[in-house]
PDB file of all heavy atoms in Angstrom:
ATOM      1  N   ASN A   1      91.164 165.768 217.440  1.00  0.00           N
ATOM      2  CA  ASN A   1      90.459 164.817 218.290  1.00  0.00           C
ATOM      3  C   ASN A   1      90.453 165.378 219.702  1.00  0.00           C
ATOM      4  O   ASN A   1      91.476 165.893 220.181  1.00  0.00           O
ATOM      5  CB  ASN A   1      91.154 163.461 218.266  1.00  0.00           C
ATOM      6  CG  ASN A   1      91.196 162.863 216.871  1.00  0.00           C
ATOM      7  OD1 ASN A   1      90.230 162.945 216.122  1.00  0.00           O
ATOM      8  ND2 ASN A   1      92.320 162.263 216.517  1.00  0.00           N
ATOM      9  N   ILE A   2      89.320 165.273 220.345  1.00  0.00           N
ATOM     10  CA  ILE A   2      89.150 165.902 221.651  1.00  0.00           C
ATOM     11  C   ILE A   2      88.825 164.863 222.710  1.00  0.00           C
ATOM     12  O   ILE A   2      88.005 163.972 222.482  1.00  0.00           O
ATOM     13  CB  ILE A   2      87.996 166.928 221.615  1.00  0.00           C
ATOM     14  CG1 ILE A   2      88.224 167.945 220.497  1.00  0.00           C
ATOM     15  CG2 ILE A   2      87.855 167.620 222.968  1.00  0.00           C
ATOM     16  CD1 ILE A   2      89.482 168.754 220.636  1.00  0.00           C
ATOM     17  N   GLY A   3      89.475 165.011 223.839  1.00  0.00           N
ATOM     18  CA  GLY A   3      89.194 164.133 224.959  1.00  0.00           C
ATOM     19  C   GLY A   3      88.761 164.922 226.182  1.00  0.00           C
ATOM     20  O   GLY A   3      89.196 166.061 226.378  1.00  0.00           O
ATOM     21  N   TRP A   4      87.889 164.315 226.958  1.00  0.00           N
ATOM     22  CA  TRP A   4      87.535 164.843 228.278  1.00  0.00           C
ATOM     23  C   TRP A   4      88.141 163.917 229.327  1.00  0.00           C
ATOM     24  O   TRP A   4      88.000 162.686 229.241  1.00  0.00           O
ATOM     25  CB  TRP A   4      86.029 164.905 228.476  1.00  0.00           C
ATOM     26  CG  TRP A   4      85.349 166.086 227.859  1.00  0.00           C
ATOM     27  CD1 TRP A   4      84.665 166.119 226.684  1.00  0.00           C
ATOM     28  CD2 TRP A   4      85.289 167.407 228.396  1.00  0.00           C
ATOM     29  NE1 TRP A   4      84.181 167.389 226.462  1.00  0.00           N
ATOM     30  CE2 TRP A   4      84.557 168.199 227.497  1.00  0.00           C
ATOM     31  CE3 TRP A   4      85.780 168.014 229.563  1.00  0.00           C
ATOM     32  CZ2 TRP A   4      84.292 169.555 227.706  1.00  0.00           C
ATOM     33  CZ3 TRP A   4      85.523 169.355 229.779  1.00  0.00           C
ATOM     34  CH2 TRP A   4      84.794 170.115 228.869  1.00  0.00           C
ATOM     35  N   PHE A   5      88.786 164.504 230.310  1.00  0.00           N
ATOM     36  CA  PHE A   5      89.412 163.769 231.399  1.00  0.00           C
ATOM     37  C   PHE A   5      88.896 164.335 232.722  1.00  0.00           C
ATOM     38  O   PHE A   5      88.366 165.437 232.773  1.00  0.00           O
ATOM     39  CB  PHE A   5      90.936 163.919 231.340  1.00  0.00           C
ATOM     40  CG  PHE A   5      91.555 163.253 230.152  1.00  0.00           C
ATOM     41  CD1 PHE A   5      91.517 163.851 228.903  1.00  0.00           C
ATOM     42  CD2 PHE A   5      92.184 162.032 230.272  1.00  0.00           C
ATOM     43  CE1 PHE A   5      92.081 163.233 227.795  1.00  0.00           C
ATOM     44  CE2 PHE A   5      92.757 161.398 229.183  1.00  0.00           C
ATOM     45  CZ  PHE A   5      92.702 162.008 227.941  1.00  0.00           C
ATOM     46  N   ARG A   6      89.089 163.582 233.770  1.00  0.00           N
ATOM     47  CA  ARG A   6      88.773 164.091 235.090  1.00  0.00           C
ATOM     48  C   ARG A   6      89.810 163.587 236.086  1.00  0.00           C
ATOM     49  O   ARG A   6      90.411 162.541 235.894  1.00  0.00           O
ATOM     50  CB  ARG A   6      87.363 163.687 235.522  1.00  0.00           C
ATOM     51  CG  ARG A   6      87.154 162.198 235.695  1.00  0.00           C
ATOM     52  CD  ARG A   6      85.677 161.922 235.966  1.00  0.00           C
ATOM     53  NE  ARG A   6      85.397 160.496 236.133  1.00  0.00           N
ATOM     54  CZ  ARG A   6      84.183 159.984 236.227  1.00  0.00           C
ATOM     55  NH1 ARG A   6      83.109 160.780 236.164  1.00  0.00           N
ATOM     56  NH2 ARG A   6      84.027 158.673 236.387  1.00  0.00           N
ATOM     57  N   GLN A   7      89.964 164.358 237.130  1.00  0.00           N
ATOM     58  CA  GLN A   7      90.913 163.991 238.176  1.00  0.00           C
ATOM     59  C   GLN A   7      90.335 164.357 239.526  1.00  0.00           C
ATOM     60  O   GLN A   7      90.067 165.537 239.795  1.00  0.00           O
ATOM     61  CB  GLN A   7      92.264 164.676 237.956  1.00  0.00           C
ATOM     62  CG  GLN A   7      93.348 164.169 238.879  1.00  0.00           C
ATOM     63  CD  GLN A   7      94.740 164.571 238.418  1.00  0.00           C
ATOM     64  OE1 GLN A   7      94.904 165.495 237.629  1.00  0.00           O
ATOM     65  NE2 GLN A   7      95.734 163.857 238.900  1.00  0.00           N
ATOM     66  N   ALA A   8      90.132 163.351 240.335  1.00  0.00           N
ATOM     67  CA  ALA A   8      89.662 163.547 241.703  1.00  0.00           C
ATOM     68  C   ALA A   8      90.864 163.637 242.632  1.00  0.00           C
ATOM     69  O   ALA A   8      91.952 163.142 242.299  1.00  0.00           O
ATOM     70  CB  ALA A   8      88.757 162.393 242.112  1.00  0.00           C
ATOM     71  N   PRO A   9      90.720 164.250 243.791  1.00  0.00           N
ATOM     72  CA  PRO A   9      91.842 164.380 244.724  1.00  0.00           C
ATOM     73  C   PRO A   9      92.452 163.025 245.055  1.00  0.00           C
ATOM     74  O   PRO A   9      91.740 162.070 245.375  1.00  0.00           O
ATOM     75  CB  PRO A   9      91.200 165.018 245.960  1.00  0.00           C
ATOM     76  CG  PRO A   9      90.032 165.761 245.422  1.00  0.00           C
ATOM     77  CD  PRO A   9      89.516 164.932 244.285  1.00  0.00           C
ATOM     78  N   GLY A  10      93.771 162.937 244.918  1.00  0.00           N
ATOM     79  CA  GLY A  10      94.479 161.713 245.264  1.00  0.00           C
ATOM     80  C   GLY A  10      94.395 160.615 244.229  1.00  0.00           C
ATOM     81  O   GLY A  10      94.884 159.511 244.450  1.00  0.00           O
ATOM     82  N   LYS A  11      93.770 160.924 243.081  1.00  0.00           N
ATOM     83  CA  LYS A  11      93.626 159.906 242.047  1.00  0.00           C
ATOM     84  C   LYS A  11      94.307 160.358 240.767  1.00  0.00           C
ATOM     85  O   LYS A  11      94.568 161.547 240.560  1.00  0.00           O
ATOM     86  CB  LYS A  11      92.145 159.625 241.789  1.00  0.00           C
ATOM     87  CG  LYS A  11      91.422 158.975 242.959  1.00  0.00           C
ATOM     88  CD  LYS A  11      90.024 158.538 242.563  1.00  0.00           C
ATOM     89  CE  LYS A  11      89.343 157.805 243.699  1.00  0.00           C
ATOM     90  NZ  LYS A  11      87.976 157.343 243.323  1.00  0.00           N
ATOM     91  N   GLU A  12      94.574 159.404 239.896  1.00  0.00           N
ATOM     92  CA  GLU A  12      95.170 159.715 238.605  1.00  0.00           C
ATOM     93  C   GLU A  12      94.118 160.308 237.658  1.00  0.00           C
ATOM     94  O   GLU A  12      92.922 160.109 237.834  1.00  0.00           O
ATOM     95  CB  GLU A  12      95.769 158.449 237.984  1.00  0.00           C
ATOM     96  CG  GLU A  12      96.961 157.910 238.731  1.00  0.00           C
ATOM     97  CD  GLU A  12      97.636 156.760 237.989  1.00  0.00           C
ATOM     98  OE1 GLU A  12      97.091 156.333 236.956  1.00  0.00           O
ATOM     99  OE2 GLU A  12      98.696 156.308 238.435  1.00  0.00           O
ATOM    100  N   ARG A  13      94.630 161.038 236.682  1.00  0.00           N
ATOM    101  CA  ARG A  13      93.737 161.589 235.673  1.00  0.00           C
ATOM    102  C   ARG A  13      93.121 160.438 234.867  1.00  0.00           C
ATOM    103  O   ARG A  13      93.818 159.533 234.427  1.00  0.00           O
ATOM    104  CB  ARG A  13      94.504 162.543 234.763  1.00  0.00           C
ATOM    105  CG  ARG A  13      93.623 163.367 233.862  1.00  0.00           C
ATOM    106  CD  ARG A  13      94.383 164.539 233.292  1.00  0.00           C
ATOM    107  NE  ARG A  13      94.777 165.483 234.340  1.00  0.00           N
ATOM    108  CZ  ARG A  13      95.265 166.705 234.088  1.00  0.00           C
ATOM    109  NH1 ARG A  13      95.409 167.104 232.828  1.00  0.00           N
ATOM    110  NH2 ARG A  13      95.615 167.481 235.079  1.00  0.00           N
ATOM    111  N   GLU A  14      91.816 160.509 234.695  1.00  0.00           N
ATOM    112  CA  GLU A  14      91.065 159.426 234.059  1.00  0.00           C
ATOM    113  C   GLU A  14      90.418 159.906 232.774  1.00  0.00           C
ATOM    114  O   GLU A  14      89.805 160.984 232.751  1.00  0.00           O
ATOM    115  CB  GLU A  14      89.987 158.942 235.041  1.00  0.00           C
ATOM    116  CG  GLU A  14      89.013 157.936 234.470  1.00  0.00           C
ATOM    117  CD  GLU A  14      87.800 157.708 235.347  1.00  0.00           C
ATOM    118  OE1 GLU A  14      87.483 158.586 236.176  1.00  0.00           O
ATOM    119  OE2 GLU A  14      87.152 156.654 235.203  1.00  0.00           O
ATOM    120  N   GLY A  15      90.555 159.122 231.717  1.00  0.00           N
ATOM    121  CA  GLY A  15      89.868 159.448 230.475  1.00  0.00           C
ATOM    122  C   GLY A  15      88.386 159.162 230.600  1.00  0.00           C
ATOM    123  O   GLY A  15      88.003 158.068 230.981  1.00  0.00           O
ATOM    124  N   VAL A  16      87.567 160.131 230.288  1.00  0.00           N
ATOM    125  CA  VAL A  16      86.118 160.003 230.426  1.00  0.00           C
ATOM    126  C   VAL A  16      85.462 159.748 229.075  1.00  0.00           C
ATOM    127  O   VAL A  16      84.649 158.838 228.934  1.00  0.00           O
ATOM    128  CB  VAL A  16      85.530 161.279 231.058  1.00  0.00           C
ATOM    129  CG1 VAL A  16      84.011 161.216 231.098  1.00  0.00           C
ATOM    130  CG2 VAL A  16      86.091 161.498 232.452  1.00  0.00           C
ATOM    131  N   SER A  17      85.831 160.551 228.089  1.00  0.00           N
ATOM    132  CA  SER A  17      85.179 160.454 226.797  1.00  0.00           C
ATOM    133  C   SER A  17      86.053 161.133 225.764  1.00  0.00           C
ATOM    134  O   SER A  17      86.878 161.988 226.097  1.00  0.00           O
ATOM    135  CB  SER A  17      83.803 161.135 226.846  1.00  0.00           C
ATOM    136  OG  SER A  17      83.153 161.086 225.584  1.00  0.00           O
ATOM    137  N   CYS A  18      85.876 160.743 224.497  1.00  0.00           N
ATOM    138  CA  CYS A  18      86.562 161.470 223.439  1.00  0.00           C
ATOM    139  C   CYS A  18      85.749 161.389 222.158  1.00  0.00           C
ATOM    140  O   CYS A  18      84.866 160.538 222.015  1.00  0.00           O
ATOM    141  CB  CYS A  18      87.987 160.994 223.227  1.00  0.00           C
ATOM    142  SG  CYS A  18      88.112 159.329 222.602  1.00  0.00           S
ATOM    143  N   ILE A  19      86.054 162.294 221.259  1.00  0.00           N
ATOM    144  CA  ILE A  19      85.370 162.345 219.978  1.00  0.00           C
ATOM    145  C   ILE A  19      86.395 162.601 218.890  1.00  0.00           C
ATOM    146  O   ILE A  19      87.265 163.461 219.028  1.00  0.00           O
ATOM    147  CB  ILE A  19      84.250 163.416 219.990  1.00  0.00           C
ATOM    148  CG1 ILE A  19      83.435 163.384 218.694  1.00  0.00           C
ATOM    149  CG2 ILE A  19      84.805 164.819 220.254  1.00  0.00           C
ATOM    150  CD1 ILE A  19      82.130 164.163 218.782  1.00  0.00           C
ATOM    151  N   ARG A  20      86.296 161.786 217.849  1.00  0.00           N
ATOM    152  CA  ARG A  20      87.234 161.910 216.761  1.00  0.00           C
ATOM    153  C   ARG A  20      86.815 163.034 215.833  1.00  0.00           C
ATOM    154  O   ARG A  20      85.630 163.340 215.688  1.00  0.00           O
ATOM    155  CB  ARG A  20      87.304 160.588 215.992  1.00  0.00           C
ATOM    156  CG  ARG A  20      87.750 159.399 216.813  1.00  0.00           C
ATOM    157  CD  ARG A  20      89.223 159.435 217.128  1.00  0.00           C
ATOM    158  NE  ARG A  20      90.028 159.348 215.930  1.00  0.00           N
ATOM    159  CZ  ARG A  20      90.408 158.194 215.368  1.00  0.00           C
ATOM    160  NH1 ARG A  20      90.031 157.045 215.890  1.00  0.00           N
ATOM    161  NH2 ARG A  20      91.156 158.212 214.290  1.00  0.00           N
ATOM    162  N   SER A  21      87.812 163.598 215.144  1.00  0.00           N
ATOM    163  CA  SER A  21      87.540 164.732 214.268  1.00  0.00           C
ATOM    164  C   SER A  21      86.880 164.323 212.962  1.00  0.00           C
ATOM    165  O   SER A  21      85.782 164.759 212.636  1.00  0.00           O
ATOM    166  CB  SER A  21      88.853 165.468 213.957  1.00  0.00           C
ATOM    167  OG  SER A  21      88.672 166.394 212.933  1.00  0.00           O
ATOM    168  N   ARG A  22      87.525 163.469 212.215  1.00  0.00           N
ATOM    169  CA  ARG A  22      87.065 163.202 210.850  1.00  0.00           C
ATOM    170  C   ARG A  22      85.918 162.217 210.787  1.00  0.00           C
ATOM    171  O   ARG A  22      85.003 162.373 209.977  1.00  0.00           O
ATOM    172  CB  ARG A  22      88.236 162.696 210.019  1.00  0.00           C
ATOM    173  CG  ARG A  22      89.297 163.761 209.830  1.00  0.00           C
ATOM    174  CD  ARG A  22      90.548 163.224 209.190  1.00  0.00           C
ATOM    175  NE  ARG A  22      91.565 164.267 209.061  1.00  0.00           N
ATOM    176  CZ  ARG A  22      92.821 164.046 208.720  1.00  0.00           C
ATOM    177  NH1 ARG A  22      93.214 162.826 208.475  1.00  0.00           N
ATOM    178  NH2 ARG A  22      93.673 165.039 208.626  1.00  0.00           N
ATOM    179  N   ILE A  23      85.941 161.213 211.631  1.00  0.00           N
ATOM    180  CA  ILE A  23      84.906 160.183 211.534  1.00  0.00           C
ATOM    181  C   ILE A  23      83.820 160.372 212.582  1.00  0.00           C
ATOM    182  O   ILE A  23      82.790 159.710 212.518  1.00  0.00           O
ATOM    183  CB  ILE A  23      85.525 158.778 211.639  1.00  0.00           C
ATOM    184  CG1 ILE A  23      86.289 158.596 212.951  1.00  0.00           C
ATOM    185  CG2 ILE A  23      86.440 158.524 210.466  1.00  0.00           C
ATOM    186  CD1 ILE A  23      86.893 157.204 213.117  1.00  0.00           C
ATOM    187  N   GLY A  24      84.062 161.238 213.569  1.00  0.00           N
ATOM    188  CA  GLY A  24      83.022 161.565 214.537  1.00  0.00           C
ATOM    189  C   GLY A  24      82.710 160.481 215.535  1.00  0.00           C
ATOM    190  O   GLY A  24      81.725 160.579 216.269  1.00  0.00           O
ATOM    191  N   SER A  25      83.530 159.428 215.562  1.00  0.00           N
ATOM    192  CA  SER A  25      83.248 158.355 216.511  1.00  0.00           C
ATOM    193  C   SER A  25      83.520 158.834 217.933  1.00  0.00           C
ATOM    194  O   SER A  25      84.299 159.758 218.164  1.00  0.00           O
ATOM    195  CB  SER A  25      84.086 157.127 216.192  1.00  0.00           C
ATOM    196  OG  SER A  25      85.462 157.431 216.236  1.00  0.00           O
ATOM    197  N   THR A  26      82.849 158.195 218.866  1.00  0.00           N
ATOM    198  CA  THR A  26      82.959 158.593 220.261  1.00  0.00           C
ATOM    199  C   THR A  26      83.350 157.404 221.126  1.00  0.00           C
ATOM    200  O   THR A  26      83.169 156.245 220.750  1.00  0.00           O
ATOM    201  CB  THR A  26      81.634 159.178 220.777  1.00  0.00           C
ATOM    202  OG1 THR A  26      80.598 158.208 220.598  1.00  0.00           O
ATOM    203  CG2 THR A  26      81.263 160.448 220.016  1.00  0.00           C
ATOM    204  N   TYR A  27      83.874 157.739 222.268  1.00  0.00           N
ATOM    205  CA  TYR A  27      84.282 156.734 223.240  1.00  0.00           C
ATOM    206  C   TYR A  27      83.856 157.218 224.615  1.00  0.00           C
ATOM    207  O   TYR A  27      83.899 158.420 224.904  1.00  0.00           O
ATOM    208  CB  TYR A  27      85.804 156.545 223.200  1.00  0.00           C
ATOM    209  CG  TYR A  27      86.361 155.947 224.467  1.00  0.00           C
ATOM    210  CD1 TYR A  27      86.439 154.568 224.621  1.00  0.00           C
ATOM    211  CD2 TYR A  27      86.789 156.754 225.526  1.00  0.00           C
ATOM    212  CE1 TYR A  27      86.926 154.018 225.790  1.00  0.00           C
ATOM    213  CE2 TYR A  27      87.276 156.205 226.695  1.00  0.00           C
ATOM    214  CZ  TYR A  27      87.343 154.835 226.820  1.00  0.00           C
ATOM    215  OH  TYR A  27      87.817 154.296 227.977  1.00  0.00           O
ATOM    216  N   TYR A  28      83.441 156.260 225.467  1.00  0.00           N
ATOM    217  CA  TYR A  28      83.112 156.570 226.855  1.00  0.00           C
ATOM    218  C   TYR A  28      83.705 155.520 227.762  1.00  0.00           C
ATOM    219  O   TYR A  28      83.648 154.317 227.460  1.00  0.00           O
ATOM    220  CB  TYR A  28      81.599 156.605 227.056  1.00  0.00           C
ATOM    221  CG  TYR A  28      80.879 157.607 226.188  1.00  0.00           C
ATOM    222  CD1 TYR A  28      80.365 157.258 224.945  1.00  0.00           C
ATOM    223  CD2 TYR A  28      80.739 158.929 226.613  1.00  0.00           C
ATOM    224  CE1 TYR A  28      79.721 158.193 224.146  1.00  0.00           C
ATOM    225  CE2 TYR A  28      80.090 159.867 225.824  1.00  0.00           C
ATOM    226  CZ  TYR A  28      79.591 159.490 224.596  1.00  0.00           C
ATOM    227  OH  TYR A  28      78.958 160.423 223.806  1.00  0.00           O
ATOM    228  N   THR A  29      84.226 155.945 228.872  1.00  0.00           N
ATOM    229  CA  THR A  29      84.647 154.977 229.858  1.00  0.00           C
ATOM    230  C   THR A  29      83.407 154.311 230.449  1.00  0.00           C
ATOM    231  O   THR A  29      82.309 154.907 230.461  1.00  0.00           O
ATOM    232  CB  THR A  29      85.500 155.644 230.954  1.00  0.00           C
ATOM    233  OG1 THR A  29      86.139 154.659 231.732  1.00  0.00           O
ATOM    234  CG2 THR A  29      84.668 156.551 231.842  1.00  0.00           C
ATOM    235  N   ASP A  30      83.553 153.089 230.911  1.00  0.00           N
ATOM    236  CA  ASP A  30      82.390 152.304 231.315  1.00  0.00           C
ATOM    237  C   ASP A  30      81.528 153.004 232.366  1.00  0.00           C
ATOM    238  O   ASP A  30      80.304 152.906 232.338  1.00  0.00           O
ATOM    239  CB  ASP A  30      82.836 150.941 231.843  1.00  0.00           C
ATOM    240  CG  ASP A  30      83.279 150.000 230.733  1.00  0.00           C
ATOM    241  OD1 ASP A  30      82.987 150.295 229.552  1.00  0.00           O
ATOM    242  OD2 ASP A  30      83.918 148.979 231.037  1.00  0.00           O
ATOM    243  N   SER A  31      82.163 153.696 233.278  1.00  0.00           N
ATOM    244  CA  SER A  31      81.417 154.266 234.397  1.00  0.00           C
ATOM    245  C   SER A  31      80.474 155.405 233.996  1.00  0.00           C
ATOM    246  O   SER A  31      79.610 155.792 234.785  1.00  0.00           O
ATOM    247  CB  SER A  31      82.379 154.756 235.480  1.00  0.00           C
ATOM    248  OG  SER A  31      83.215 155.775 234.969  1.00  0.00           O
ATOM    249  N   VAL A  32      80.631 155.941 232.789  1.00  0.00           N
ATOM    250  CA  VAL A  32      79.772 157.055 232.364  1.00  0.00           C
ATOM    251  C   VAL A  32      78.873 156.698 231.181  1.00  0.00           C
ATOM    252  O   VAL A  32      78.049 157.521 230.768  1.00  0.00           O
ATOM    253  CB  VAL A  32      80.590 158.320 232.031  1.00  0.00           C
ATOM    254  CG1 VAL A  32      81.530 158.667 233.170  1.00  0.00           C
ATOM    255  CG2 VAL A  32      81.344 158.157 230.724  1.00  0.00           C
ATOM    256  N   LYS A  33      79.018 155.507 230.647  1.00  0.00           N
ATOM    257  CA  LYS A  33      78.200 155.103 229.501  1.00  0.00           C
ATOM    258  C   LYS A  33      76.718 155.187 229.845  1.00  0.00           C
ATOM    259  O   LYS A  33      76.290 154.742 230.909  1.00  0.00           O
ATOM    260  CB  LYS A  33      78.568 153.684 229.068  1.00  0.00           C
ATOM    261  CG  LYS A  33      79.862 153.599 228.295  1.00  0.00           C
ATOM    262  CD  LYS A  33      80.153 152.164 227.885  1.00  0.00           C
ATOM    263  CE  LYS A  33      81.464 152.072 227.135  1.00  0.00           C
ATOM    264  NZ  LYS A  33      81.828 150.679 226.795  1.00  0.00           N
ATOM    265  N   GLY A  34      75.957 155.749 228.929  1.00  0.00           N
ATOM    266  CA  GLY A  34      74.528 155.907 229.147  1.00  0.00           C
ATOM    267  C   GLY A  34      74.165 157.148 229.942  1.00  0.00           C
ATOM    268  O   GLY A  34      72.972 157.488 230.034  1.00  0.00           O
ATOM    269  N   ARG A  35      75.138 157.825 230.516  1.00  0.00           N
ATOM    270  CA  ARG A  35      74.872 159.023 231.313  1.00  0.00           C
ATOM    271  C   ARG A  35      75.483 160.276 230.695  1.00  0.00           C
ATOM    272  O   ARG A  35      74.915 161.364 230.800  1.00  0.00           O
ATOM    273  CB  ARG A  35      75.407 158.847 232.735  1.00  0.00           C
ATOM    274  CG  ARG A  35      74.798 157.681 233.493  1.00  0.00           C
ATOM    275  CD  ARG A  35      75.216 157.681 234.968  1.00  0.00           C
ATOM    276  NE  ARG A  35      76.653 157.551 235.146  1.00  0.00           N
ATOM    277  CZ  ARG A  35      77.411 158.436 235.792  1.00  0.00           C
ATOM    278  NH1 ARG A  35      76.873 159.520 236.301  1.00  0.00           N
ATOM    279  NH2 ARG A  35      78.711 158.241 235.925  1.00  0.00           N
ATOM    280  N   PHE A  36      76.656 160.130 230.085  1.00  0.00           N
ATOM    281  CA  PHE A  36      77.366 161.271 229.503  1.00  0.00           C
ATOM    282  C   PHE A  36      77.284 161.193 227.982  1.00  0.00           C
ATOM    283  O   PHE A  36      77.277 160.102 227.395  1.00  0.00           O
ATOM    284  CB  PHE A  36      78.831 161.252 229.910  1.00  0.00           C
ATOM    285  CG  PHE A  36      79.111 161.556 231.352  1.00  0.00           C
ATOM    286  CD1 PHE A  36      78.095 161.605 232.305  1.00  0.00           C
ATOM    287  CD2 PHE A  36      80.409 161.798 231.780  1.00  0.00           C
ATOM    288  CE1 PHE A  36      78.367 161.880 233.631  1.00  0.00           C
ATOM    289  CE2 PHE A  36      80.700 162.073 233.102  1.00  0.00           C
ATOM    290  CZ  PHE A  36      79.671 162.116 234.031  1.00  0.00           C
ATOM    291  N   THR A  37      77.255 162.358 227.356  1.00  0.00           N
ATOM    292  CA  THR A  37      77.259 162.442 225.905  1.00  0.00           C
ATOM    293  C   THR A  37      78.226 163.530 225.460  1.00  0.00           C
ATOM    294  O   THR A  37      78.125 164.676 225.922  1.00  0.00           O
ATOM    295  CB  THR A  37      75.862 162.763 225.359  1.00  0.00           C
ATOM    296  OG1 THR A  37      74.930 161.776 225.798  1.00  0.00           O
ATOM    297  CG2 THR A  37      75.879 162.780 223.831  1.00  0.00           C
TER     298      THR A  37
END
């Protein structure tokens, strides 16, 4: 399972998106929904 995270200066690492291995389901944090794939 793979996750994408981001970290801006002075901020905590934030989960952006992930994709599961076997079932292929995906997740997006609200701020990137509709923009990131």
